[in-house]
N, C-alpha and C. Protein backbone atom coordinates (compact mmCIF):
# COMPACT_ATOMS: atom_id res chain seq x y z
N UNK A 1 -35.98 -45.52 14.21
CA UNK A 1 -36.25 -44.16 13.47
C UNK A 1 -35.77 -43.11 14.48
N UNK A 2 -35.91 -43.54 15.83
CA UNK A 2 -34.87 -42.64 16.84
C UNK A 2 -33.43 -42.38 16.32
N UNK A 3 -32.62 -43.22 15.92
CA UNK A 3 -31.27 -42.93 15.55
C UNK A 3 -31.32 -42.15 14.48
N UNK A 4 -32.42 -42.28 13.59
CA UNK A 4 -32.14 -41.27 12.19
C UNK A 4 -32.39 -40.23 12.61
N UNK A 5 -33.33 -39.84 13.48
CA UNK A 5 -33.68 -38.27 13.91
C UNK A 5 -32.37 -37.73 14.50
N UNK A 6 -31.94 -38.39 15.55
CA UNK A 6 -30.42 -38.25 16.40
C UNK A 6 -28.92 -37.71 15.11
N UNK A 7 -29.13 -38.68 14.66
CA UNK A 7 -28.22 -38.62 13.21
C UNK A 7 -28.46 -37.07 12.74
N UNK A 8 -29.76 -37.33 12.21
CA UNK A 8 -29.76 -36.02 11.49
C UNK A 8 -29.84 -34.29 12.18
N UNK A 9 -30.35 -34.52 13.37
CA UNK A 9 -30.36 -33.33 14.28
C UNK A 9 -28.62 -33.20 14.46
N UNK A 10 -27.89 -33.93 14.78
CA UNK A 10 -26.50 -33.81 14.82
C UNK A 10 -25.57 -33.25 14.10
N UNK A 11 -25.86 -34.06 12.49
CA UNK A 11 -25.08 -33.78 11.60
C UNK A 11 -25.90 -32.30 10.51
N UNK A 12 -26.76 -31.65 10.93
CA UNK A 12 -27.78 -30.93 10.21
C UNK A 12 -27.03 -29.59 10.12
N UNK A 13 -26.55 -29.26 11.45
CA UNK A 13 -25.48 -27.73 11.59
C UNK A 13 -24.17 -28.03 10.58
N UNK A 14 -23.29 -29.08 10.80
CA UNK A 14 -22.61 -29.67 9.99
C UNK A 14 -22.70 -29.01 8.63
N UNK A 15 -23.80 -29.76 7.82
CA UNK A 15 -23.90 -30.00 6.75
C UNK A 15 -24.43 -28.45 6.29
N UNK A 16 -25.18 -27.80 6.66
CA UNK A 16 -25.75 -26.23 6.56
C UNK A 16 -24.28 -25.61 6.42
N UNK A 17 -23.73 -25.69 7.57
CA UNK A 17 -22.45 -24.68 7.86
C UNK A 17 -21.23 -25.31 6.24
N UNK A 18 -21.31 -26.15 6.10
CA UNK A 18 -20.43 -26.35 4.71
C UNK A 18 -21.24 -26.27 3.49
N UNK A 19 -22.35 -26.27 3.51
CA UNK A 19 -23.12 -25.66 2.10
C UNK A 19 -22.93 -24.26 2.01
N UNK A 20 -23.10 -23.39 3.20
CA UNK A 20 -23.16 -21.89 2.95
C UNK A 20 -21.74 -21.53 2.59
N UNK A 21 -21.03 -22.29 3.22
CA UNK A 21 -19.25 -21.96 2.82
C UNK A 21 -18.42 -22.51 1.79
N UNK A 22 -19.24 -23.31 0.90
CA UNK A 22 -18.72 -23.98 -0.33
C UNK A 22 -18.42 -22.89 -1.35
N UNK A 23 -18.81 -21.80 -1.40
CA UNK A 23 -17.81 -20.84 -2.12
C UNK A 23 -16.67 -20.19 -2.00
N UNK A 24 -16.24 -20.68 -0.59
CA UNK A 24 -14.74 -20.13 0.05
C UNK A 24 -13.82 -21.58 -0.52
N UNK A 25 -14.32 -22.45 -0.70
CA UNK A 25 -13.62 -23.83 -1.28
C UNK A 25 -13.57 -24.64 -0.17
N UNK A 26 -13.22 -26.05 -1.15
CA UNK A 26 -13.89 -27.33 -0.29
C UNK A 26 -13.31 -27.64 1.03
N UNK A 27 -11.85 -27.32 1.34
CA UNK A 27 -11.19 -27.41 2.64
C UNK A 27 -11.83 -26.43 3.68
N UNK A 28 -11.81 -25.35 3.57
CA UNK A 28 -12.87 -24.41 4.41
C UNK A 28 -14.27 -25.17 5.13
N UNK A 29 -14.90 -25.38 3.75
CA UNK A 29 -16.25 -25.70 3.77
C UNK A 29 -16.34 -27.05 5.00
N UNK A 30 -15.12 -28.10 4.27
CA UNK A 30 -15.09 -29.28 5.19
C UNK A 30 -15.21 -29.18 6.92
N UNK A 31 -13.72 -28.14 6.90
CA UNK A 31 -13.44 -28.16 8.00
C UNK A 31 -14.68 -27.47 9.42
N UNK A 32 -15.01 -26.47 8.61
CA UNK A 32 -16.35 -25.59 9.53
C UNK A 32 -17.28 -26.90 9.90
N UNK A 33 -17.86 -27.08 8.58
CA UNK A 33 -18.99 -28.39 8.89
C UNK A 33 -18.30 -29.29 10.13
N UNK A 34 -17.07 -29.71 9.84
CA UNK A 34 -17.04 -30.81 11.10
C UNK A 34 -16.73 -30.02 12.54
N UNK A 35 -16.53 -29.01 12.57
CA UNK A 35 -16.13 -28.18 13.92
C UNK A 35 -17.80 -27.94 14.44
N UNK A 36 -18.62 -27.74 13.31
CA UNK A 36 -20.17 -27.30 13.90
C UNK A 36 -20.68 -28.68 14.02
N UNK A 37 -20.40 -29.76 13.43
CA UNK A 37 -20.89 -31.45 13.62
C UNK A 37 -20.19 -31.45 15.36
N UNK A 38 -19.30 -31.38 15.30
CA UNK A 38 -18.34 -32.04 16.82
C UNK A 38 -18.71 -30.90 17.86
N UNK A 39 -19.27 -29.32 17.81
CA UNK A 39 -19.57 -28.76 18.71
C UNK A 39 -20.84 -29.01 19.62
N UNK A 40 -21.64 -29.75 18.92
CA UNK A 40 -22.96 -30.53 19.16
C UNK A 40 -22.84 -31.13 20.76
N UNK A 41 -21.78 -32.18 20.95
CA UNK A 41 -21.85 -32.87 22.08
C UNK A 41 -21.71 -31.63 23.34
N UNK A 42 -20.63 -30.73 23.10
CA UNK A 42 -20.34 -29.88 24.00
C UNK A 42 -21.52 -29.06 24.36
N UNK A 43 -22.48 -28.45 23.45
CA UNK A 43 -23.35 -27.54 23.56
C UNK A 43 -24.62 -28.49 24.42
N UNK A 44 -24.70 -29.79 24.21
CA UNK A 44 -25.47 -30.68 24.93
C UNK A 44 -25.05 -30.63 26.46
N UNK A 45 -23.99 -30.80 26.73
CA UNK A 45 -23.08 -31.09 28.07
C UNK A 45 -23.13 -29.76 29.03
N UNK A 46 -23.02 -28.72 28.10
CA UNK A 46 -23.16 -27.31 28.70
C UNK A 46 -24.54 -27.18 28.93
N UNK A 47 -25.37 -27.62 28.01
CA UNK A 47 -26.93 -27.23 28.42
C UNK A 47 -27.24 -27.93 29.85
N UNK A 48 -26.99 -29.24 29.69
CA UNK A 48 -27.31 -30.13 31.39
C UNK A 48 -26.86 -29.49 32.64
N UNK A 49 -25.78 -28.72 32.39
CA UNK A 49 -25.12 -28.41 33.02
C UNK A 49 -25.57 -26.84 33.72
N UNK A 50 -26.28 -26.04 32.74
CA UNK A 50 -26.81 -25.15 32.89
C UNK A 50 -28.12 -25.07 33.61
N UNK A 51 -29.28 -26.19 32.60
CA UNK A 51 -30.17 -26.36 33.15
C UNK A 51 -30.15 -27.73 33.68
N UNK A 52 -30.25 -27.88 34.87
CA UNK A 52 -30.14 -29.18 35.59
C UNK A 52 -31.28 -30.33 35.51
N UNK A 53 -32.39 -29.44 35.06
CA UNK A 53 -33.63 -30.77 34.58
C UNK A 53 -33.52 -31.38 33.34
N UNK A 54 -33.05 -30.56 32.65
CA UNK A 54 -32.37 -31.53 31.23
C UNK A 54 -31.58 -32.54 31.50
N UNK A 55 -30.51 -32.19 32.43
CA UNK A 55 -29.62 -33.14 32.33
C UNK A 55 -30.59 -34.53 33.29
N UNK A 56 -31.26 -33.98 34.49
CA UNK A 56 -32.20 -35.49 35.11
C UNK A 56 -32.81 -36.20 34.13
N UNK A 57 -33.75 -35.49 32.92
CA UNK A 57 -34.65 -36.06 32.04
C UNK A 57 -33.47 -36.66 31.15
N UNK A 58 -32.53 -36.37 30.68
CA UNK A 58 -31.54 -36.89 29.71
C UNK A 58 -31.07 -37.93 30.42
N UNK A 59 -30.66 -37.83 31.57
CA UNK A 59 -30.23 -39.19 32.45
C UNK A 59 -31.33 -40.30 32.62
N UNK A 60 -32.56 -39.86 33.17
CA UNK A 60 -33.81 -40.92 33.25
C UNK A 60 -33.98 -41.47 31.69
N UNK A 61 -34.15 -40.87 30.76
CA UNK A 61 -33.96 -41.71 29.62
C UNK A 61 -33.18 -42.69 29.10
N UNK A 62 -32.08 -42.07 29.32
CA UNK A 62 -30.85 -43.18 29.17
C UNK A 62 -30.63 -44.02 30.13
N UNK A 63 -31.09 -44.09 31.29
CA UNK A 63 -31.48 -45.12 32.07
C UNK A 63 -32.31 -46.17 31.62
N UNK A 64 -33.88 -45.53 31.00
CA UNK A 64 -34.71 -46.44 30.99
C UNK A 64 -34.24 -47.34 29.49
N UNK A 65 -33.43 -46.59 28.66
CA UNK A 65 -32.84 -47.19 27.46
C UNK A 65 -31.63 -48.20 27.82
N UNK A 66 -31.03 -48.19 28.60
CA UNK A 66 -29.78 -49.12 28.91
C UNK A 66 -30.60 -50.10 29.73
N UNK A 67 -31.88 -49.89 30.31
CA UNK A 67 -31.86 -51.13 30.93
C UNK A 67 -33.12 -51.90 29.94
N UNK A 68 -33.38 -51.78 29.23
CA UNK A 68 -34.46 -51.98 27.99
C UNK A 68 -33.17 -52.68 27.12
N UNK A 69 -31.82 -52.27 27.05
CA UNK A 69 -31.34 -52.85 25.98
C UNK A 69 -30.28 -54.13 26.52
N UNK A 70 -30.45 -53.73 28.12
CA UNK A 70 -29.98 -55.13 28.90
C UNK A 70 -30.92 -56.12 29.06
N UNK A 71 -32.08 -55.92 28.76
CA UNK A 71 -32.80 -56.83 28.97
C UNK A 71 -32.89 -57.40 27.66
N UNK A 72 -32.79 -56.88 26.58
CA UNK A 72 -32.45 -57.41 25.19
C UNK A 72 -31.44 -57.85 24.82
N UNK A 73 -30.38 -58.09 25.94
CA UNK A 73 -29.09 -58.71 25.25
C UNK A 73 -28.17 -57.82 24.37
N UNK A 74 -28.24 -56.52 24.23
CA UNK A 74 -27.49 -55.60 23.68
C UNK A 74 -26.43 -54.97 24.66
N UNK A 75 -25.45 -55.68 25.16
CA UNK A 75 -24.53 -55.00 26.19
C UNK A 75 -23.93 -54.00 25.90
N UNK A 76 -23.17 -53.84 24.76
CA UNK A 76 -22.77 -53.01 24.38
C UNK A 76 -23.27 -51.26 23.92
N UNK A 77 -24.33 -51.65 23.85
CA UNK A 77 -25.25 -50.53 23.33
C UNK A 77 -25.78 -50.01 25.13
N UNK A 78 -26.33 -51.21 25.53
CA UNK A 78 -26.64 -50.49 27.10
C UNK A 78 -25.37 -49.76 27.67
N UNK A 79 -24.44 -50.53 27.95
CA UNK A 79 -23.00 -49.55 28.16
C UNK A 79 -23.19 -48.31 27.74
N UNK A 80 -23.38 -47.98 26.31
CA UNK A 80 -22.97 -46.76 26.14
C UNK A 80 -23.89 -45.78 26.51
N UNK A 81 -25.03 -46.50 26.83
CA UNK A 81 -26.51 -45.62 27.58
C UNK A 81 -26.38 -45.37 28.69
N UNK A 82 -25.66 -46.28 29.76
CA UNK A 82 -25.39 -46.35 30.87
C UNK A 82 -24.44 -45.16 30.93
N UNK A 83 -23.40 -44.98 30.14
CA UNK A 83 -22.52 -44.24 30.43
C UNK A 83 -22.75 -42.74 30.23
N UNK A 84 -24.18 -42.65 29.27
CA UNK A 84 -24.61 -41.22 28.98
C UNK A 84 -25.30 -40.96 30.25
N UNK A 85 -26.06 -41.93 30.64
CA UNK A 85 -27.00 -41.43 31.87
C UNK A 85 -25.94 -40.90 32.96
N UNK A 86 -24.75 -41.75 33.28
CA UNK A 86 -23.79 -41.24 34.47
C UNK A 86 -23.17 -39.91 33.86
N UNK A 87 -23.09 -39.51 32.80
CA UNK A 87 -22.68 -38.04 32.52
C UNK A 87 -23.54 -36.91 32.49
N UNK A 88 -25.02 -37.64 32.26
CA UNK A 88 -26.00 -36.51 32.21
C UNK A 88 -26.37 -36.15 33.76
N UNK A 89 -26.44 -37.50 34.90
CA UNK A 89 -26.53 -37.02 36.19
C UNK A 89 -25.19 -36.20 36.90
N UNK A 90 -24.25 -36.45 36.30
CA UNK A 90 -23.13 -35.71 36.97
C UNK A 90 -22.95 -34.40 36.24
N UNK A 91 -23.44 -34.23 35.12
CA UNK A 91 -23.85 -32.76 34.75
C UNK A 91 -24.97 -31.84 35.61
N UNK A 92 -25.65 -32.71 35.61
CA UNK A 92 -26.95 -32.04 36.73
C UNK A 92 -26.75 -31.79 38.36
N UNK A 93 -26.34 -32.70 38.61
CA UNK A 93 -25.52 -32.59 40.01
C UNK A 93 -24.49 -31.63 40.09
N UNK A 94 -24.05 -31.56 39.17
CA UNK A 94 -22.61 -30.49 39.01
C UNK A 94 -23.01 -29.17 39.78
N UNK A 95 -24.11 -28.76 38.92
CA UNK A 95 -24.85 -27.42 39.12
C UNK A 95 -25.94 -27.20 39.95
N UNK A 96 -26.01 -28.21 40.60
CA UNK A 96 -27.52 -27.97 41.60
C UNK A 96 -26.64 -27.93 43.12
């Protein structure tokens, strides 16, 4: 359920942008929607660098998720969570 909510949160700005710009042509609408969707990770990383408690909270949550996935044997997913935790803690430490 969490993955569905995360995907909806990331894809919604792009879908709304594409819908609002559909009268300008499908090419412009798709490019704007893709740009809005790809901007979400940049905004999250910028937010963690600007507000360190957000980076610490995201890093702690990703660490717990990584440990849980390592325990259940999902190594690739756990490695992705561990990388996210490293990025979050790095952003938080960089701004402190």
